[in-house]
Amino acid sequence: LVLLASIGRGVDKVILAIVLVQWAQYARLMRAAALVERRKEYIEAAVN
């Protein structure tokens, strides 16, 4: 609501506002999944 009140109405603006409020949940979930994979042997082998 705050974002759209600042930038105005429009399909593209609604998409931008939703992107800005939803990306964080994917970042947290991806980090958790990647940390699990990061400790596995095939990643350690790639680093070595």
All heavy atoms as atom14 arrays in JSON, in Angstrom:
{
  "sequence": "LVLLASIGRGVDKVILAIVLVQWAQYARLMRAAALVERRKEYIEAAVN",
  "atom14_mask": [
    [1, 1, 1, 1, 1, 1, 1, 1, 0, 0, 0, 0, 0, 0],
    [1, 1, 1, 1, 1, 1, 1, 0, 0, 0, 0, 0, 0, 0],
    [1, 1, 1, 1, 1, 1, 1, 1, 0, 0, 0, 0, 0, 0],
    [1, 1, 1, 1, 1, 1, 1, 1, 0, 0, 0, 0, 0, 0],
    [1, 1, 1, 1, 1, 0, 0, 0, 0, 0, 0, 0, 0, 0],
    [1, 1, 1, 1, 1, 1, 0, 0, 0, 0, 0, 0, 0, 0],
    [1, 1, 1, 1, 1, 1, 1, 1, 0, 0, 0, 0, 0, 0],
    [1, 1, 1, 1, 0, 0, 0, 0, 0, 0, 0, 0, 0, 0],
    [1, 1, 1, 1, 1, 1, 1, 1, 1, 1, 1, 0, 0, 0],
    [1, 1, 1, 1, 0, 0, 0, 0, 0, 0, 0, 0, 0, 0],
    [1, 1, 1, 1, 1, 1, 1, 0, 0, 0, 0, 0, 0, 0],
    [1, 1, 1, 1, 1, 1, 1, 1, 0, 0, 0, 0, 0, 0],
    [1, 1, 1, 1, 1, 1, 1, 1, 1, 0, 0, 0, 0, 0],
    [1, 1, 1, 1, 1, 1, 1, 0, 0, 0, 0, 0, 0, 0],
    [1, 1, 1, 1, 1, 1, 1, 1, 0, 0, 0, 0, 0, 0],
    [1, 1, 1, 1, 1, 1, 1, 1, 0, 0, 0, 0, 0, 0],
    [1, 1, 1, 1, 1, 0, 0, 0, 0, 0, 0, 0, 0, 0],
    [1, 1, 1, 1, 1, 1, 1, 1, 0, 0, 0, 0, 0, 0],
    [1, 1, 1, 1, 1, 1, 1, 0, 0, 0, 0, 0, 0, 0],
    [1, 1, 1, 1, 1, 1, 1, 1, 0, 0, 0, 0, 0, 0],
    [1, 1, 1, 1, 1, 1, 1, 0, 0, 0, 0, 0, 0, 0],
    [1, 1, 1, 1, 1, 1, 1, 1, 1, 0, 0, 0, 0, 0],
    [1, 1, 1, 1, 1, 1, 1, 1, 1, 1, 1, 1, 1, 1],
    [1, 1, 1, 1, 1, 0, 0, 0, 0, 0, 0, 0, 0, 0],
    [1, 1, 1, 1, 1, 1, 1, 1, 1, 0, 0, 0, 0, 0],
    [1, 1, 1, 1, 1, 1, 1, 1, 1, 1, 1, 1, 0, 0],
    [1, 1, 1, 1, 1, 0, 0, 0, 0, 0, 0, 0, 0, 0],
    [1, 1, 1, 1, 1, 1, 1, 1, 1, 1, 1, 0, 0, 0],
    [1, 1, 1, 1, 1, 1, 1, 1, 0, 0, 0, 0, 0, 0],
    [1, 1, 1, 1, 1, 1, 1, 1, 0, 0, 0, 0, 0, 0],
    [1, 1, 1, 1, 1, 1, 1, 1, 1, 1, 1, 0, 0, 0],
    [1, 1, 1, 1, 1, 0, 0, 0, 0, 0, 0, 0, 0, 0],
    [1, 1, 1, 1, 1, 0, 0, 0, 0, 0, 0, 0, 0, 0],
    [1, 1, 1, 1, 1, 0, 0, 0, 0, 0, 0, 0, 0, 0],
    [1, 1, 1, 1, 1, 1, 1, 1, 0, 0, 0, 0, 0, 0],
    [1, 1, 1, 1, 1, 1, 1, 0, 0, 0, 0, 0, 0, 0],
    [1, 1, 1, 1, 1, 1, 1, 1, 1, 0, 0, 0, 0, 0],
    [1, 1, 1, 1, 1, 1, 1, 1, 1, 1, 1, 0, 0, 0],
    [1, 1, 1, 1, 1, 1, 1, 1, 1, 1, 1, 0, 0, 0],
    [1, 1, 1, 1, 1, 1, 1, 1, 1, 0, 0, 0, 0, 0],
    [1, 1, 1, 1, 1, 1, 1, 1, 1, 0, 0, 0, 0, 0],
    [1, 1, 1, 1, 1, 1, 1, 1, 1, 1, 1, 1, 0, 0],
    [1, 1, 1, 1, 1, 1, 1, 1, 0, 0, 0, 0, 0, 0],
    [1, 1, 1, 1, 1, 1, 1, 1, 1, 0, 0, 0, 0, 0],
    [1, 1, 1, 1, 1, 0, 0, 0, 0, 0, 0, 0, 0, 0],
    [1, 1, 1, 1, 1, 0, 0, 0, 0, 0, 0, 0, 0, 0],
    [1, 1, 1, 1, 1, 1, 1, 0, 0, 0, 0, 0, 0, 0],
    [1, 1, 1, 1, 1, 1, 1, 1, 0, 0, 0, 0, 0, 0]
  ],
  "atom14_positions": [
    [[0.83, -1.21, 0.0], [0.0, 0.0, 0.0], [0.86, 1.26, 0.0], [0.59, 2.21, -0.74], [-0.94, -0.01, 1.22], [-2.22, -0.81, 1.11], [-2.92, -0.88, 2.47], [-3.16, -0.2, 0.07], [0.0, 0.0, 0.0], [0.0, 0.0, 0.0], [0.0, 0.0, 0.0], [0.0, 0.0, 0.0], [0.0, 0.0, 0.0], [0.0, 0.0, 0.0]],
    [[1.88, 1.27, 0.83], [2.77, 2.43, 0.9], [3.49, 2.64, -0.43], [3.6, 3.76, -0.95], [3.78, 2.26, 2.05], [4.82, 3.38, 2.0], [3.07, 2.26, 3.39], [0.0, 0.0, 0.0], [0.0, 0.0, 0.0], [0.0, 0.0, 0.0], [0.0, 0.0, 0.0], [0.0, 0.0, 0.0], [0.0, 0.0, 0.0], [0.0, 0.0, 0.0]],
    [[3.98, 1.55, -1.03], [4.69, 1.64, -2.3], [3.78, 2.17, -3.4], [4.16, 3.08, -4.16], [5.25, 0.27, -2.69], [6.44, -0.23, -1.88], [6.76, -1.68, -2.24], [7.66, 0.65, -2.13], [0.0, 0.0, 0.0], [0.0, 0.0, 0.0], [0.0, 0.0, 0.0], [0.0, 0.0, 0.0], [0.0, 0.0, 0.0], [0.0, 0.0, 0.0]],
    [[2.59, 1.61, -3.51], [1.68, 2.03, -4.57], [1.15, 3.43, -4.35], [0.86, 4.15, -5.31], [0.52, 1.03, -4.69], [0.91, -0.34, -5.25], [-0.25, -1.31, -5.19], [1.4, -0.21, -6.69], [0.0, 0.0, 0.0], [0.0, 0.0, 0.0], [0.0, 0.0, 0.0], [0.0, 0.0, 0.0], [0.0, 0.0, 0.0], [0.0, 0.0, 0.0]],
    [[1.02, 3.84, -3.1], [0.62, 5.22, -2.83], [1.7, 6.2, -3.28], [1.41, 7.35, -3.62], [0.35, 5.39, -1.34], [0.0, 0.0, 0.0], [0.0, 0.0, 0.0], [0.0, 0.0, 0.0], [0.0, 0.0, 0.0], [0.0, 0.0, 0.0], [0.0, 0.0, 0.0], [0.0, 0.0, 0.0], [0.0, 0.0, 0.0], [0.0, 0.0, 0.0]],
    [[2.95, 5.71, -3.32], [4.06, 6.57, -3.72], [4.28, 6.59, -5.23], [4.59, 7.63, -5.8], [5.36, 6.1, -3.03], [5.2, 6.09, -1.62], [0.0, 0.0, 0.0], [0.0, 0.0, 0.0], [0.0, 0.0, 0.0], [0.0, 0.0, 0.0], [0.0, 0.0, 0.0], [0.0, 0.0, 0.0], [0.0, 0.0, 0.0], [0.0, 0.0, 0.0]],
    [[4.13, 5.43, -5.88], [4.46, 5.34, -7.3], [3.24, 5.34, -8.21], [3.38, 5.43, -9.44], [5.32, 4.09, -7.58], [4.53, 2.81, -7.23], [6.6, 4.14, -6.79], [5.31, 1.52, -7.51], [0.0, 0.0, 0.0], [0.0, 0.0, 0.0], [0.0, 0.0, 0.0], [0.0, 0.0, 0.0], [0.0, 0.0, 0.0], [0.0, 0.0, 0.0]],
    [[2.03, 5.2, -7.65], [0.82, 5.27, -8.46], [0.31, 3.89, -8.87], [0.91, 2.86, -8.56], [0.0, 0.0, 0.0], [0.0, 0.0, 0.0], [0.0, 0.0, 0.0], [0.0, 0.0, 0.0], [0.0, 0.0, 0.0], [0.0, 0.0, 0.0], [0.0, 0.0, 0.0], [0.0, 0.0, 0.0], [0.0, 0.0, 0.0], [0.0, 0.0, 0.0]],
    [[-0.83, 3.9, -9.59], [-1.47, 2.67, -10.03], [-0.92, 2.19, -11.36], [-0.33, 2.95, -12.1], [-2.99, 2.88, -10.13], [-3.65, 3.28, -8.85], [-5.12, 3.58, -9.04], [-5.87, 2.4, -9.46], [-7.2, 2.4, -9.59], [-7.9, 3.51, -9.37], [-7.83, 1.31, -9.95], [0.0, 0.0, 0.0], [0.0, 0.0, 0.0], [0.0, 0.0, 0.0]],
    [[-1.14, 0.92, -11.64], [-0.69, 0.33, -12.9], [-0.33, -1.12, -12.71], [0.12, -1.52, -11.62], [0.0, 0.0, 0.0], [0.0, 0.0, 0.0], [0.0, 0.0, 0.0], [0.0, 0.0, 0.0], [0.0, 0.0, 0.0], [0.0, 0.0, 0.0], [0.0, 0.0, 0.0], [0.0, 0.0, 0.0], [0.0, 0.0, 0.0], [0.0, 0.0, 0.0]],
    [[-0.51, -1.92, -13.74], [-0.19, -3.35, -13.66], [1.29, -3.55, -13.35], [1.66, -4.35, -12.49], [-0.57, -4.07, -14.96], [-0.11, -5.52, -14.93], [-2.08, -4.02, -15.18], [0.0, 0.0, 0.0], [0.0, 0.0, 0.0], [0.0, 0.0, 0.0], [0.0, 0.0, 0.0], [0.0, 0.0, 0.0], [0.0, 0.0, 0.0], [0.0, 0.0, 0.0]],
    [[2.15, -2.82, -14.06], [3.59, -2.95, -13.82], [3.98, -2.52, -12.42], [4.86, -3.12, -11.79], [4.37, -2.15, -14.87], [3.96, -0.68, -14.91], [2.84, -0.35, -14.47], [4.77, 0.15, -15.37], [0.0, 0.0, 0.0], [0.0, 0.0, 0.0], [0.0, 0.0, 0.0], [0.0, 0.0, 0.0], [0.0, 0.0, 0.0], [0.0, 0.0, 0.0]],
    [[3.31, -1.5, -11.91], [3.62, -1.02, -10.55], [3.15, -2.01, -9.5], [3.8, -2.19, -8.46], [3.0, 0.36, -10.34], [3.58, 1.44, -11.25], [2.93, 2.77, -11.0], [3.56, 3.87, -11.85], [3.36, 3.62, -13.3], [0.0, 0.0, 0.0], [0.0, 0.0, 0.0], [0.0, 0.0, 0.0], [0.0, 0.0, 0.0], [0.0, 0.0, 0.0]],
    [[2.0, -2.66, -9.73], [1.52, -3.68, -8.8], [2.49, -4.86, -8.77], [2.82, -5.4, -7.71], [0.11, -4.15, -9.19], [-0.32, -5.34, -8.34], [-0.89, -3.02, -9.02], [0.0, 0.0, 0.0], [0.0, 0.0, 0.0], [0.0, 0.0, 0.0], [0.0, 0.0, 0.0], [0.0, 0.0, 0.0], [0.0, 0.0, 0.0], [0.0, 0.0, 0.0]],
    [[2.96, -5.27, -9.95], [3.93, -6.37, -10.03], [5.2, -6.01, -9.26], [5.73, -6.82, -8.48], [4.26, -6.68, -11.5], [3.03, -7.27, -12.2], [5.44, -7.65, -11.59], [3.2, -7.48, -13.69], [0.0, 0.0, 0.0], [0.0, 0.0, 0.0], [0.0, 0.0, 0.0], [0.0, 0.0, 0.0], [0.0, 0.0, 0.0], [0.0, 0.0, 0.0]],
    [[5.69, -4.79, -9.45], [6.9, -4.34, -8.74], [6.69, -4.36, -7.24], [7.56, -4.82, -6.48], [7.28, -2.94, -9.2], [8.46, -2.28, -8.49], [9.73, -3.1, -8.68], [8.67, -0.86, -8.98], [0.0, 0.0, 0.0], [0.0, 0.0, 0.0], [0.0, 0.0, 0.0], [0.0, 0.0, 0.0], [0.0, 0.0, 0.0], [0.0, 0.0, 0.0]],
    [[5.54, -3.88, -6.78], [5.26, -3.84, -5.34], [5.22, -5.25, -4.75], [5.77, -5.5, -3.67], [3.94, -3.11, -5.09], [0.0, 0.0, 0.0], [0.0, 0.0, 0.0], [0.0, 0.0, 0.0], [0.0, 0.0, 0.0], [0.0, 0.0, 0.0], [0.0, 0.0, 0.0], [0.0, 0.0, 0.0], [0.0, 0.0, 0.0], [0.0, 0.0, 0.0]],
    [[4.59, -6.19, -5.46], [4.49, -7.56, -4.95], [5.86, -8.23, -4.94], [6.2, -8.98, -4.02], [3.48, -8.36, -5.78], [2.07, -7.76, -5.63], [3.45, -9.82, -5.32], [1.02, -8.44, -6.48], [0.0, 0.0, 0.0], [0.0, 0.0, 0.0], [0.0, 0.0, 0.0], [0.0, 0.0, 0.0], [0.0, 0.0, 0.0], [0.0, 0.0, 0.0]],
    [[6.67, -7.96, -5.96], [8.03, -8.51, -5.99], [8.81, -8.05, -4.76], [9.5, -8.85, -4.1], [8.76, -8.07, -7.28], [10.25, -8.37, -7.18], [8.18, -8.8, -8.48], [0.0, 0.0, 0.0], [0.0, 0.0, 0.0], [0.0, 0.0, 0.0], [0.0, 0.0, 0.0], [0.0, 0.0, 0.0], [0.0, 0.0, 0.0], [0.0, 0.0, 0.0]],
    [[8.7, -6.77, -4.44], [9.46, -6.23, -3.32], [9.01, -6.76, -1.97], [9.81, -6.79, -1.02], [9.36, -4.69, -3.33], [10.05, -3.99, -4.5], [9.81, -2.49, -4.45], [11.55, -4.29, -4.5], [0.0, 0.0, 0.0], [0.0, 0.0, 0.0], [0.0, 0.0, 0.0], [0.0, 0.0, 0.0], [0.0, 0.0, 0.0], [0.0, 0.0, 0.0]],
    [[7.76, -7.2, -1.86], [7.3, -7.71, -0.57], [7.4, -9.24, -0.48], [7.24, -9.8, 0.61], [5.85, -7.28, -0.27], [5.74, -5.77, -0.25], [4.86, -7.88, -1.27], [0.0, 0.0, 0.0], [0.0, 0.0, 0.0], [0.0, 0.0, 0.0], [0.0, 0.0, 0.0], [0.0, 0.0, 0.0], [0.0, 0.0, 0.0], [0.0, 0.0, 0.0]],
    [[7.67, -9.92, -1.6], [7.68, -11.38, -1.56], [9.07, -12.01, -1.71], [9.24, -13.18, -1.38], [6.76, -11.95, -2.66], [5.29, -11.89, -2.33], [4.45, -12.79, -3.22], [4.89, -13.19, -4.29], [3.25, -13.1, -2.78], [0.0, 0.0, 0.0], [0.0, 0.0, 0.0], [0.0, 0.0, 0.0], [0.0, 0.0, 0.0], [0.0, 0.0, 0.0]],
    [[10.06, -11.28, -2.21], [11.35, -11.92, -2.5], [12.03, -12.45, -1.25], [12.76, -13.45, -1.29], [12.29, -10.93, -3.2], [12.81, -9.84, -2.3], [12.25, -8.63, -2.1], [13.98, -9.88, -1.48], [12.99, -7.9, -1.2], [14.07, -8.64, -0.81], [14.97, -10.84, -1.26], [15.1, -8.35, 0.08], [16.01, -10.55, -0.37], [16.06, -9.31, 0.28]],
    [[11.78, -11.81, -0.1], [12.5, -12.18, 1.12], [12.19, -13.6, 1.58], [13.08, -14.3, 2.08], [12.16, -11.18, 2.24], [0.0, 0.0, 0.0], [0.0, 0.0, 0.0], [0.0, 0.0, 0.0], [0.0, 0.0, 0.0], [0.0, 0.0, 0.0], [0.0, 0.0, 0.0], [0.0, 0.0, 0.0], [0.0, 0.0, 0.0], [0.0, 0.0, 0.0]],
    [[10.96, -14.06, 1.4], [10.62, -15.42, 1.84], [11.37, -16.47, 1.01], [11.81, -17.5, 1.53], [9.12, -15.65, 1.73], [8.55, -15.52, 0.33], [7.07, -15.82, 0.28], [6.55, -16.59, 1.08], [6.36, -15.21, -0.67], [0.0, 0.0, 0.0], [0.0, 0.0, 0.0], [0.0, 0.0, 0.0], [0.0, 0.0, 0.0], [0.0, 0.0, 0.0]],
    [[11.56, -16.18, -0.28], [12.32, -17.1, -1.13], [13.81, -17.08, -0.75], [14.48, -18.12, -0.81], [12.16, -16.73, -2.6], [10.74, -16.8, -3.1], [10.11, -15.69, -3.63], [10.02, -17.99, -3.03], [8.81, -15.75, -4.09], [8.72, -18.06, -3.49], [8.12, -16.93, -4.01], [6.83, -17.0, -4.46], [0.0, 0.0, 0.0], [0.0, 0.0, 0.0]],
    [[14.31, -15.9, -0.41], [15.73, -15.8, -0.02], [16.0, -16.64, 1.22], [17.0, -17.37, 1.29], [16.09, -14.34, 0.23], [0.0, 0.0, 0.0], [0.0, 0.0, 0.0], [0.0, 0.0, 0.0], [0.0, 0.0, 0.0], [0.0, 0.0, 0.0], [0.0, 0.0, 0.0], [0.0, 0.0, 0.0], [0.0, 0.0, 0.0], [0.0, 0.0, 0.0]],
    [[15.12, -16.57, 2.21], [15.33, -17.34, 3.44], [15.25, -18.84, 3.17], [16.08, -19.62, 3.67], [14.29, -16.93, 4.48], [14.31, -17.79, 5.74], [13.4, -17.26, 6.8], [13.95, -16.05, 7.41], [13.34, -15.38, 8.41], [12.18, -15.81, 8.87], [13.9, -14.31, 8.92], [0.0, 0.0, 0.0], [0.0, 0.0, 0.0], [0.0, 0.0, 0.0]],
    [[14.27, -19.26, 2.38], [14.1, -20.67, 2.08], [15.26, -21.21, 1.24], [15.77, -22.3, 1.48], [12.77, -20.9, 1.37], [12.38, -22.35, 1.09], [12.29, -23.14, 2.39], [11.05, -22.39, 0.34], [0.0, 0.0, 0.0], [0.0, 0.0, 0.0], [0.0, 0.0, 0.0], [0.0, 0.0, 0.0], [0.0, 0.0, 0.0], [0.0, 0.0, 0.0]],
    [[15.7, -20.41, 0.26], [16.81, -20.84, -0.59], [18.1, -20.93, 0.22], [18.9, -21.87, 0.03], [16.99, -19.83, -1.73], [18.05, -20.23, -2.74], [17.59, -21.74, -3.62], [19.09, -22.09, -4.51], [0.0, 0.0, 0.0], [0.0, 0.0, 0.0], [0.0, 0.0, 0.0], [0.0, 0.0, 0.0], [0.0, 0.0, 0.0], [0.0, 0.0, 0.0]],
    [[18.33, -20.0, 1.11], [19.52, -20.04, 1.96], [19.53, -21.3, 2.8], [20.57, -21.98, 2.93], [19.57, -18.81, 2.85], [20.69, -18.83, 3.89], [20.63, -17.6, 4.77], [21.63, -17.64, 5.83], [21.43, -18.18, 7.03], [20.24, -18.75, 7.31], [22.38, -18.16, 7.94], [0.0, 0.0, 0.0], [0.0, 0.0, 0.0], [0.0, 0.0, 0.0]],
    [[18.38, -21.64, 3.39], [18.31, -22.83, 4.24], [18.59, -24.1, 3.44], [19.35, -24.97, 3.89], [16.93, -22.92, 4.89], [0.0, 0.0, 0.0], [0.0, 0.0, 0.0], [0.0, 0.0, 0.0], [0.0, 0.0, 0.0], [0.0, 0.0, 0.0], [0.0, 0.0, 0.0], [0.0, 0.0, 0.0], [0.0, 0.0, 0.0], [0.0, 0.0, 0.0]],
    [[18.0, -24.19, 2.24], [18.23, -25.38, 1.4], [19.67, -25.44, 0.92], [20.3, -26.51, 0.88], [17.27, -25.37, 0.21], [0.0, 0.0, 0.0], [0.0, 0.0, 0.0], [0.0, 0.0, 0.0], [0.0, 0.0, 0.0], [0.0, 0.0, 0.0], [0.0, 0.0, 0.0], [0.0, 0.0, 0.0], [0.0, 0.0, 0.0], [0.0, 0.0, 0.0]],
    [[20.23, -24.29, 0.54], [21.61, -24.26, 0.04], [22.61, -24.57, 1.14], [23.65, -25.19, 0.87], [21.9, -22.9, -0.59], [0.0, 0.0, 0.0], [0.0, 0.0, 0.0], [0.0, 0.0, 0.0], [0.0, 0.0, 0.0], [0.0, 0.0, 0.0], [0.0, 0.0, 0.0], [0.0, 0.0, 0.0], [0.0, 0.0, 0.0], [0.0, 0.0, 0.0]],
    [[22.34, -24.16, 2.36], [23.25, -24.46, 3.47], [23.32, -25.97, 3.71], [24.39, -26.5, 4.06], [22.8, -23.74, 4.74], [23.11, -22.25, 4.83], [22.51, -21.65, 6.09], [24.62, -22.0, 4.78], [0.0, 0.0, 0.0], [0.0, 0.0, 0.0], [0.0, 0.0, 0.0], [0.0, 0.0, 0.0], [0.0, 0.0, 0.0], [0.0, 0.0, 0.0]],
    [[22.19, -26.65, 3.57], [22.19, -28.11, 3.72], [23.05, -28.75, 2.64], [23.88, -29.64, 2.91], [20.75, -28.65, 3.67], [20.74, -30.18, 3.65], [19.95, -28.14, 4.86], [0.0, 0.0, 0.0], [0.0, 0.0, 0.0], [0.0, 0.0, 0.0], [0.0, 0.0, 0.0], [0.0, 0.0, 0.0], [0.0, 0.0, 0.0], [0.0, 0.0, 0.0]],
    [[22.85, -28.3, 1.39], [23.64, -28.86, 0.29], [25.12, -28.49, 0.41], [25.99, -29.26, 0.0], [23.09, -28.34, -1.05], [21.69, -28.82, -1.37], [21.62, -30.32, -1.6], [22.58, -30.9, -2.14], [20.6, -30.93, -1.2], [0.0, 0.0, 0.0], [0.0, 0.0, 0.0], [0.0, 0.0, 0.0], [0.0, 0.0, 0.0], [0.0, 0.0, 0.0]],
    [[25.38, -27.32, 0.98], [26.76, -26.8, 1.07], [27.64, -27.73, 1.9], [28.86, -27.77, 1.7], [26.71, -25.41, 1.7], [28.01, -24.64, 1.66], [28.32, -24.12, 0.29], [29.56, -23.33, 0.27], [30.78, -23.85, 0.25], [30.94, -25.16, 0.27], [31.84, -23.06, 0.2], [0.0, 0.0, 0.0], [0.0, 0.0, 0.0], [0.0, 0.0, 0.0]],
    [[27.04, -28.48, 2.81], [27.82, -29.34, 3.7], [28.01, -30.75, 3.13], [28.66, -31.58, 3.78], [27.12, -29.44, 5.06], [26.91, -28.11, 5.77], [26.36, -28.3, 7.18], [26.1, -27.04, 7.82], [24.9, -26.46, 7.88], [23.86, -27.06, 7.31], [24.73, -25.3, 8.5], [0.0, 0.0, 0.0], [0.0, 0.0, 0.0], [0.0, 0.0, 0.0]],
    [[27.45, -31.02, 1.97], [27.52, -32.38, 1.42], [28.85, -32.59, 0.69], [29.53, -31.65, 0.29], [26.33, -32.64, 0.5], [25.01, -32.66, 1.28], [23.84, -33.05, 0.4], [22.56, -33.14, 1.24], [21.39, -33.5, 0.42], [0.0, 0.0, 0.0], [0.0, 0.0, 0.0], [0.0, 0.0, 0.0], [0.0, 0.0, 0.0], [0.0, 0.0, 0.0]],
    [[29.18, -33.87, 0.51], [30.5, -34.25, 0.02], [30.76, -33.77, -1.41], [31.89, -33.42, -1.74], [30.67, -35.77, 0.09], [30.7, -36.31, 1.52], [30.87, -37.81, 1.56], [30.87, -38.42, 0.45], [30.99, -38.37, 2.65], [0.0, 0.0, 0.0], [0.0, 0.0, 0.0], [0.0, 0.0, 0.0], [0.0, 0.0, 0.0], [0.0, 0.0, 0.0]],
    [[29.74, -33.77, -2.26], [29.99, -33.39, -3.64], [30.35, -31.91, -3.76], [31.12, -31.52, -4.65], [28.79, -33.75, -4.53], [27.58, -32.84, -4.38], [27.34, -31.83, -5.29], [26.68, -33.03, -3.33], [26.22, -31.01, -5.17], [25.57, -32.22, -3.21], [25.35, -31.22, -4.13], [24.24, -30.42, -4.0], [0.0, 0.0, 0.0], [0.0, 0.0, 0.0]],
    [[29.83, -31.06, -2.86], [30.22, -29.65, -2.84], [31.64, -29.5, -2.3], [32.45, -28.73, -2.83], [29.23, -28.83, -2.01], [27.84, -28.82, -2.67], [29.73, -27.39, -1.85], [27.79, -28.09, -4.0], [0.0, 0.0, 0.0], [0.0, 0.0, 0.0], [0.0, 0.0, 0.0], [0.0, 0.0, 0.0], [0.0, 0.0, 0.0], [0.0, 0.0, 0.0]],
    [[31.95, -30.25, -1.25], [33.3, -30.21, -0.7], [34.32, -30.69, -1.74], [35.43, -30.14, -1.85], [33.38, -31.08, 0.55], [32.56, -30.53, 1.72], [32.65, -31.42, 2.94], [33.36, -32.46, 2.86], [32.05, -31.09, 3.98], [0.0, 0.0, 0.0], [0.0, 0.0, 0.0], [0.0, 0.0, 0.0], [0.0, 0.0, 0.0], [0.0, 0.0, 0.0]],
    [[33.93, -31.7, -2.52], [34.83, -32.19, -3.57], [35.06, -31.12, -4.63], [36.19, -30.92, -5.11], [34.24, -33.44, -4.22], [0.0, 0.0, 0.0], [0.0, 0.0, 0.0], [0.0, 0.0, 0.0], [0.0, 0.0, 0.0], [0.0, 0.0, 0.0], [0.0, 0.0, 0.0], [0.0, 0.0, 0.0], [0.0, 0.0, 0.0], [0.0, 0.0, 0.0]],
    [[33.98, -30.41, -4.99], [34.1, -29.34, -5.99], [35.01, -28.23, -5.49], [35.83, -27.69, -6.25], [32.72, -28.79, -6.34], [0.0, 0.0, 0.0], [0.0, 0.0, 0.0], [0.0, 0.0, 0.0], [0.0, 0.0, 0.0], [0.0, 0.0, 0.0], [0.0, 0.0, 0.0], [0.0, 0.0, 0.0], [0.0, 0.0, 0.0], [0.0, 0.0, 0.0]],
    [[34.91, -27.9, -4.2], [35.77, -26.86, -3.62], [37.22, -27.32, -3.59], [38.14, -26.58, -3.94], [35.28, -26.5, -2.2], [36.26, -25.54, -1.53], [33.89, -25.87, -2.25], [0.0, 0.0, 0.0], [0.0, 0.0, 0.0], [0.0, 0.0, 0.0], [0.0, 0.0, 0.0], [0.0, 0.0, 0.0], [0.0, 0.0, 0.0], [0.0, 0.0, 0.0]],
    [[37.44, -28.59, -3.21], [38.8, -29.11, -3.13], [39.47, -29.21, -4.5], [40.69, -29.09, -4.63], [38.8, -30.49, -2.46], [38.43, -30.41, -0.99], [38.66, -29.37, -0.34], [37.85, -31.46, -0.45], [0.0, 0.0, 0.0], [0.0, 0.0, 0.0], [0.0, 0.0, 0.0], [0.0, 0.0, 0.0], [0.0, 0.0, 0.0], [0.0, 0.0, 0.0]]
  ]
}
